């Protein structure tokens, strides 16, 4: 059974919580996030065209 992630009063409280808890116990309650990296594609192409020695 997964637990719900509590609300935190401060970043310090959140840091302390995650230092003593395993995120896998809360995986089912997490909201998936889709990240888009439009800026990364040209950089990858540029680097792949360079000769790496």
PDB file of N, CA and C in Angstrom:
ATOM      1  N   UNK A   1       0.843  -1.188   0.000  1.00  0.00           N
ATOM      2  CA  UNK A   1       0.000   0.000   0.000  1.00  0.00           C
ATOM      3  C   UNK A   1       0.882   1.243   0.000  1.00  0.00           C
ATOM      4  N   UNK A   2       0.599   2.158  -0.909  1.00  0.00           N
ATOM      5  CA  UNK A   2       1.390   3.380  -0.956  1.00  0.00           C
ATOM      6  C   UNK A   2       0.804   4.424  -0.022  1.00  0.00           C
ATOM      7  N   UNK A   3       1.679   5.252   0.458  1.00  0.00           N
ATOM      8  CA  UNK A   3       1.274   6.323   1.358  1.00  0.00           C
ATOM      9  C   UNK A   3       1.182   7.619   0.566  1.00  0.00           C
ATOM     10  N   UNK A   4       0.487   8.607   1.113  1.00  0.00           N
ATOM     11  CA  UNK A   4       0.405   9.902   0.461  1.00  0.00           C
ATOM     12  C   UNK A   4       1.551  10.778   0.936  1.00  0.00           C
ATOM     13  N   UNK A   5       2.087  11.563   0.021  1.00  0.00           N
ATOM     14  CA  UNK A   5       3.175  12.478   0.363  1.00  0.00           C
ATOM     15  C   UNK A   5       2.579  13.622   1.173  1.00  0.00           C
ATOM     16  N   UNK A   6       3.139  13.901   2.344  1.00  0.00           N
ATOM     17  CA  UNK A   6       2.582  14.969   3.179  1.00  0.00           C
ATOM     18  C   UNK A   6       2.900  16.357   2.618  1.00  0.00           C
ATOM     19  N   UNK A   7       2.166  17.342   3.079  1.00  0.00           N
ATOM     20  CA  UNK A   7       2.466  18.735   2.753  1.00  0.00           C
ATOM     21  C   UNK A   7       3.582  19.188   3.695  1.00  0.00           C
ATOM     22  N   UNK A   8       4.500  19.990   3.184  1.00  0.00           N
ATOM     23  CA  UNK A   8       5.644  20.426   3.982  1.00  0.00           C
ATOM     24  C   UNK A   8       5.573  21.929   4.227  1.00  0.00           C
ATOM     25  N   UNK A   9       5.952  22.334   5.423  1.00  0.00           N
ATOM     26  CA  UNK A   9       5.941  23.748   5.781  1.00  0.00           C
ATOM     27  C   UNK A   9       7.145  24.481   5.197  1.00  0.00           C
ATOM     28  N   UNK A  10       8.228  23.737   4.943  1.00  0.00           N
ATOM     29  CA  UNK A  10       9.438  24.369   4.415  1.00  0.00           C
ATOM     30  C   UNK A  10      10.251  23.340   3.633  1.00  0.00           C
ATOM     31  N   UNK A  11      11.220  23.830   2.881  1.00  0.00           N
ATOM     32  CA  UNK A  11      12.115  22.922   2.158  1.00  0.00           C
ATOM     33  C   UNK A  11      12.939  22.090   3.127  1.00  0.00           C
ATOM     34  N   UNK A  12      13.288  22.665   4.259  1.00  0.00           N
ATOM     35  CA  UNK A  12      14.047  21.910   5.264  1.00  0.00           C
ATOM     36  C   UNK A  12      13.235  20.712   5.766  1.00  0.00           C
ATOM     37  N   UNK A  13      11.944  20.930   6.004  1.00  0.00           N
ATOM     38  CA  UNK A  13      11.078  19.820   6.435  1.00  0.00           C
ATOM     39  C   UNK A  13      11.005  18.745   5.355  1.00  0.00           C
ATOM     40  N   UNK A  14      10.905  19.177   4.100  1.00  0.00           N
ATOM     41  CA  UNK A  14      10.833  18.216   2.997  1.00  0.00           C
ATOM     42  C   UNK A  14      12.138  17.437   2.865  1.00  0.00           C
ATOM     43  N   UNK A  15      13.269  18.139   2.981  1.00  0.00           N
ATOM     44  CA  UNK A  15      14.579  17.474   2.915  1.00  0.00           C
ATOM     45  C   UNK A  15      14.719  16.433   4.015  1.00  0.00           C
ATOM     46  N   UNK A  16      14.320  16.811   5.213  1.00  0.00           N
ATOM     47  CA  UNK A  16      14.411  15.888   6.347  1.00  0.00           C
ATOM     48  C   UNK A  16      13.514  14.668   6.118  1.00  0.00           C
ATOM     49  N   UNK A  17      12.326  14.893   5.580  1.00  0.00           N
ATOM     50  CA  UNK A  17      11.404  13.796   5.302  1.00  0.00           C
ATOM     51  C   UNK A  17      12.019  12.819   4.315  1.00  0.00           C
ATOM     52  N   UNK A  18      12.525  13.327   3.176  1.00  0.00           N
ATOM     53  CA  UNK A  18      13.062  12.431   2.148  1.00  0.00           C
ATOM     54  C   UNK A  18      14.378  11.791   2.560  1.00  0.00           C
ATOM     55  N   UNK A  19      15.059  12.371   3.522  1.00  0.00           N
ATOM     56  CA  UNK A  19      16.287  11.756   4.031  1.00  0.00           C
ATOM     57  C   UNK A  19      15.975  10.502   4.849  1.00  0.00           C
ATOM     58  N   UNK A  20      14.733  10.410   5.323  1.00  0.00           N
ATOM     59  CA  UNK A  20      14.367   9.279   6.178  1.00  0.00           C
ATOM     60  C   UNK A  20      13.277   8.390   5.577  1.00  0.00           C
ATOM     61  N   UNK A  21      12.854   8.675   4.339  1.00  0.00           N
ATOM     62  CA  UNK A  21      11.810   7.887   3.679  1.00  0.00           C
ATOM     63  C   UNK A  21      12.275   7.487   2.284  1.00  0.00           C
ATOM     64  N   UNK A  22      11.734   6.397   1.778  1.00  0.00           N
ATOM     65  CA  UNK A  22      12.079   5.907   0.448  1.00  0.00           C
ATOM     66  C   UNK A  22      10.997   6.336  -0.543  1.00  0.00           C
ATOM     67  N   UNK A  23      11.401   6.984  -1.627  1.00  0.00           N
ATOM     68  CA  UNK A  23      10.434   7.489  -2.605  1.00  0.00           C
ATOM     69  C   UNK A  23       9.635   6.375  -3.275  1.00  0.00           C
ATOM     70  N   UNK A  24      10.159   5.163  -3.304  1.00  0.00           N
ATOM     71  CA  UNK A  24       9.426   4.049  -3.928  1.00  0.00           C
ATOM     72  C   UNK A  24       8.117   3.774  -3.187  1.00  0.00           C
ATOM     73  N   UNK A  25       8.066   4.108  -1.912  1.00  0.00           N
ATOM     74  CA  UNK A  25       6.836   3.929  -1.139  1.00  0.00           C
ATOM     75  C   UNK A  25       5.737   4.895  -1.580  1.00  0.00           C
ATOM     76  N   UNK A  26       6.094   5.904  -2.357  1.00  0.00           N
ATOM     77  CA  UNK A  26       5.154   6.939  -2.778  1.00  0.00           C
ATOM     78  C   UNK A  26       4.999   6.994  -4.300  1.00  0.00           C
ATOM     79  N   UNK A  27       5.551   6.022  -5.005  1.00  0.00           N
ATOM     80  CA  UNK A  27       5.580   6.046  -6.471  1.00  0.00           C
ATOM     81  C   UNK A  27       4.187   6.080  -7.090  1.00  0.00           C
ATOM     82  N   UNK A  28       3.239   5.362  -6.528  1.00  0.00           N
ATOM     83  CA  UNK A  28       1.895   5.319  -7.108  1.00  0.00           C
ATOM     84  C   UNK A  28       1.131   6.622  -6.938  1.00  0.00           C
ATOM     85  N   UNK A  29       1.565   7.479  -6.035  1.00  0.00           N
ATOM     86  CA  UNK A  29       0.863   8.747  -5.816  1.00  0.00           C
ATOM     87  C   UNK A  29       1.473   9.879  -6.628  1.00  0.00           C
ATOM     88  N   UNK A  30       2.591   9.622  -7.274  1.00  0.00           N
ATOM     89  CA  UNK A  30       3.267  10.664  -8.046  1.00  0.00           C
ATOM     90  C   UNK A  30       2.518  10.934  -9.348  1.00  0.00           C
ATOM     91  N   UNK A  31       2.542  12.182  -9.769  1.00  0.00           N
ATOM     92  CA  UNK A  31       1.934  12.564 -11.034  1.00  0.00           C
ATOM     93  C   UNK A  31       3.020  12.560 -12.096  1.00  0.00           C
ATOM     94  N   UNK A  32       2.835  11.792 -13.171  1.00  0.00           N
ATOM     95  CA  UNK A  32       3.857  11.765 -14.224  1.00  0.00           C
ATOM     96  C   UNK A  32       4.005  13.135 -14.879  1.00  0.00           C
ATOM     97  N   UNK A  33       5.217  13.453 -15.250  1.00  0.00           N
ATOM     98  CA  UNK A  33       5.507  14.723 -15.909  1.00  0.00           C
ATOM     99  C   UNK A  33       6.215  14.426 -17.215  1.00  0.00           C
ATOM    100  N   UNK A  34       5.735  15.026 -18.295  1.00  0.00           N
ATOM    101  CA  UNK A  34       6.381  14.864 -19.595  1.00  0.00           C
ATOM    102  C   UNK A  34       7.238  16.099 -19.837  1.00  0.00           C
ATOM    103  N   UNK A  35       8.523  15.879 -19.997  1.00  0.00           N
ATOM    104  CA  UNK A  35       9.450  16.978 -20.234  1.00  0.00           C
ATOM    105  C   UNK A  35       9.813  17.028 -21.705  1.00  0.00           C
ATOM    106  N   UNK A  36       9.842  18.221 -22.247  1.00  0.00           N
ATOM    107  CA  UNK A  36      10.233  18.394 -23.638  1.00  0.00           C
ATOM    108  C   UNK A  36      11.514  19.217 -23.675  1.00  0.00           C
ATOM    109  N   UNK A  37      12.462  18.747 -24.451  1.00  0.00           N
ATOM    110  CA  UNK A  37      13.747  19.413 -24.561  1.00  0.00           C
ATOM    111  C   UNK A  37      13.980  19.825 -26.007  1.00  0.00           C
ATOM    112  N   UNK A  38      13.278  20.824 -26.459  1.00  0.00           N
ATOM    113  CA  UNK A  38      13.414  21.286 -27.836  1.00  0.00           C
ATOM    114  C   UNK A  38      14.830  21.776 -28.134  1.00  0.00           C
ATOM    115  N   UNK A  39      15.491  22.340 -27.150  1.00  0.00           N
ATOM    116  CA  UNK A  39      16.816  22.902 -27.354  1.00  0.00           C
ATOM    117  C   UNK A  39      17.902  21.836 -27.425  1.00  0.00           C
ATOM    118  N   UNK A  40      17.634  20.642 -26.981  1.00  0.00           N
ATOM    119  CA  UNK A  40      18.669  19.607 -26.902  1.00  0.00           C
ATOM    120  C   UNK A  40      18.959  18.965 -28.253  1.00  0.00           C
ATOM    121  N   UNK A  41      17.970  18.846 -29.109  1.00  0.00           N
ATOM    122  CA  UNK A  41      18.159  18.134 -30.370  1.00  0.00           C
ATOM    123  C   UNK A  41      19.269  18.738 -31.229  1.00  0.00           C
ATOM    124  N   UNK A  42      19.304  20.056 -31.473  1.00  0.00           N
ATOM    125  CA  UNK A  42      20.404  20.604 -32.281  1.00  0.00           C
ATOM    126  C   UNK A  42      21.773  20.360 -31.641  1.00  0.00           C
ATOM    127  N   UNK A  43      21.852  20.431 -30.329  1.00  0.00           N
ATOM    128  CA  UNK A  43      23.116  20.208 -29.641  1.00  0.00           C
ATOM    129  C   UNK A  43      23.573  18.768 -29.831  1.00  0.00           C
ATOM    130  N   UNK A  44      22.663  17.827 -29.736  1.00  0.00           N
ATOM    131  CA  UNK A  44      23.008  16.415 -29.923  1.00  0.00           C
ATOM    132  C   UNK A  44      23.502  16.189 -31.342  1.00  0.00           C
ATOM    133  N   UNK A  45      22.819  16.763 -32.314  1.00  0.00           N
ATOM    134  CA  UNK A  45      23.241  16.613 -33.706  1.00  0.00           C
ATOM    135  C   UNK A  45      24.615  17.239 -33.917  1.00  0.00           C
ATOM    136  N   UNK A  46      24.832  18.408 -33.329  1.00  0.00           N
ATOM    137  CA  UNK A  46      26.115  19.092 -33.468  1.00  0.00           C
ATOM    138  C   UNK A  46      27.237  18.246 -32.878  1.00  0.00           C
ATOM    139  N   UNK A  47      27.021  17.707 -31.696  1.00  0.00           N
ATOM    140  CA  UNK A  47      28.045  16.895 -31.040  1.00  0.00           C
ATOM    141  C   UNK A  47      28.291  15.592 -31.796  1.00  0.00           C
ATOM    142  N   UNK A  48      27.242  15.015 -32.388  1.00  0.00           N
ATOM    143  CA  UNK A  48      27.415  13.749 -33.094  1.00  0.00           C
ATOM    144  C   UNK A  48      28.184  13.936 -34.398  1.00  0.00           C
ATOM    145  N   UNK A  49      28.223  15.154 -34.912  1.00  0.00           N
ATOM    146  CA  UNK A  49      28.960  15.428 -36.143  1.00  0.00           C
ATOM    147  C   UNK A  49      30.439  15.710 -35.884  1.00  0.00           C
ATOM    148  N   UNK A  50      30.811  15.902 -34.641  1.00  0.00           N
ATOM    149  CA  UNK A  50      32.201  16.183 -34.299  1.00  0.00           C
ATOM    150  C   UNK A  50      32.989  14.880 -34.223  1.00  0.00           C
ATOM    151  N   UNK A  51      34.235  14.963 -34.601  1.00  0.00           N
ATOM    152  CA  UNK A  51      35.116  13.800 -34.457  1.00  0.00           C
ATOM    153  C   UNK A  51      35.603  13.737 -33.017  1.00  0.00           C
ATOM    154  N   UNK A  52      35.345  12.638 -32.381  1.00  0.00           N
ATOM    155  CA  UNK A  52      35.784  12.461 -30.997  1.00  0.00           C
ATOM    156  C   UNK A  52      36.991  11.545 -31.011  1.00  0.00           C
ATOM    157  N   UNK A  53      38.069  12.043 -30.470  1.00  0.00           N
ATOM    158  CA  UNK A  53      39.317  11.275 -30.472  1.00  0.00           C
ATOM    159  C   UNK A  53      39.568  10.731 -29.085  1.00  0.00           C
TER     160      UNK A  53
END
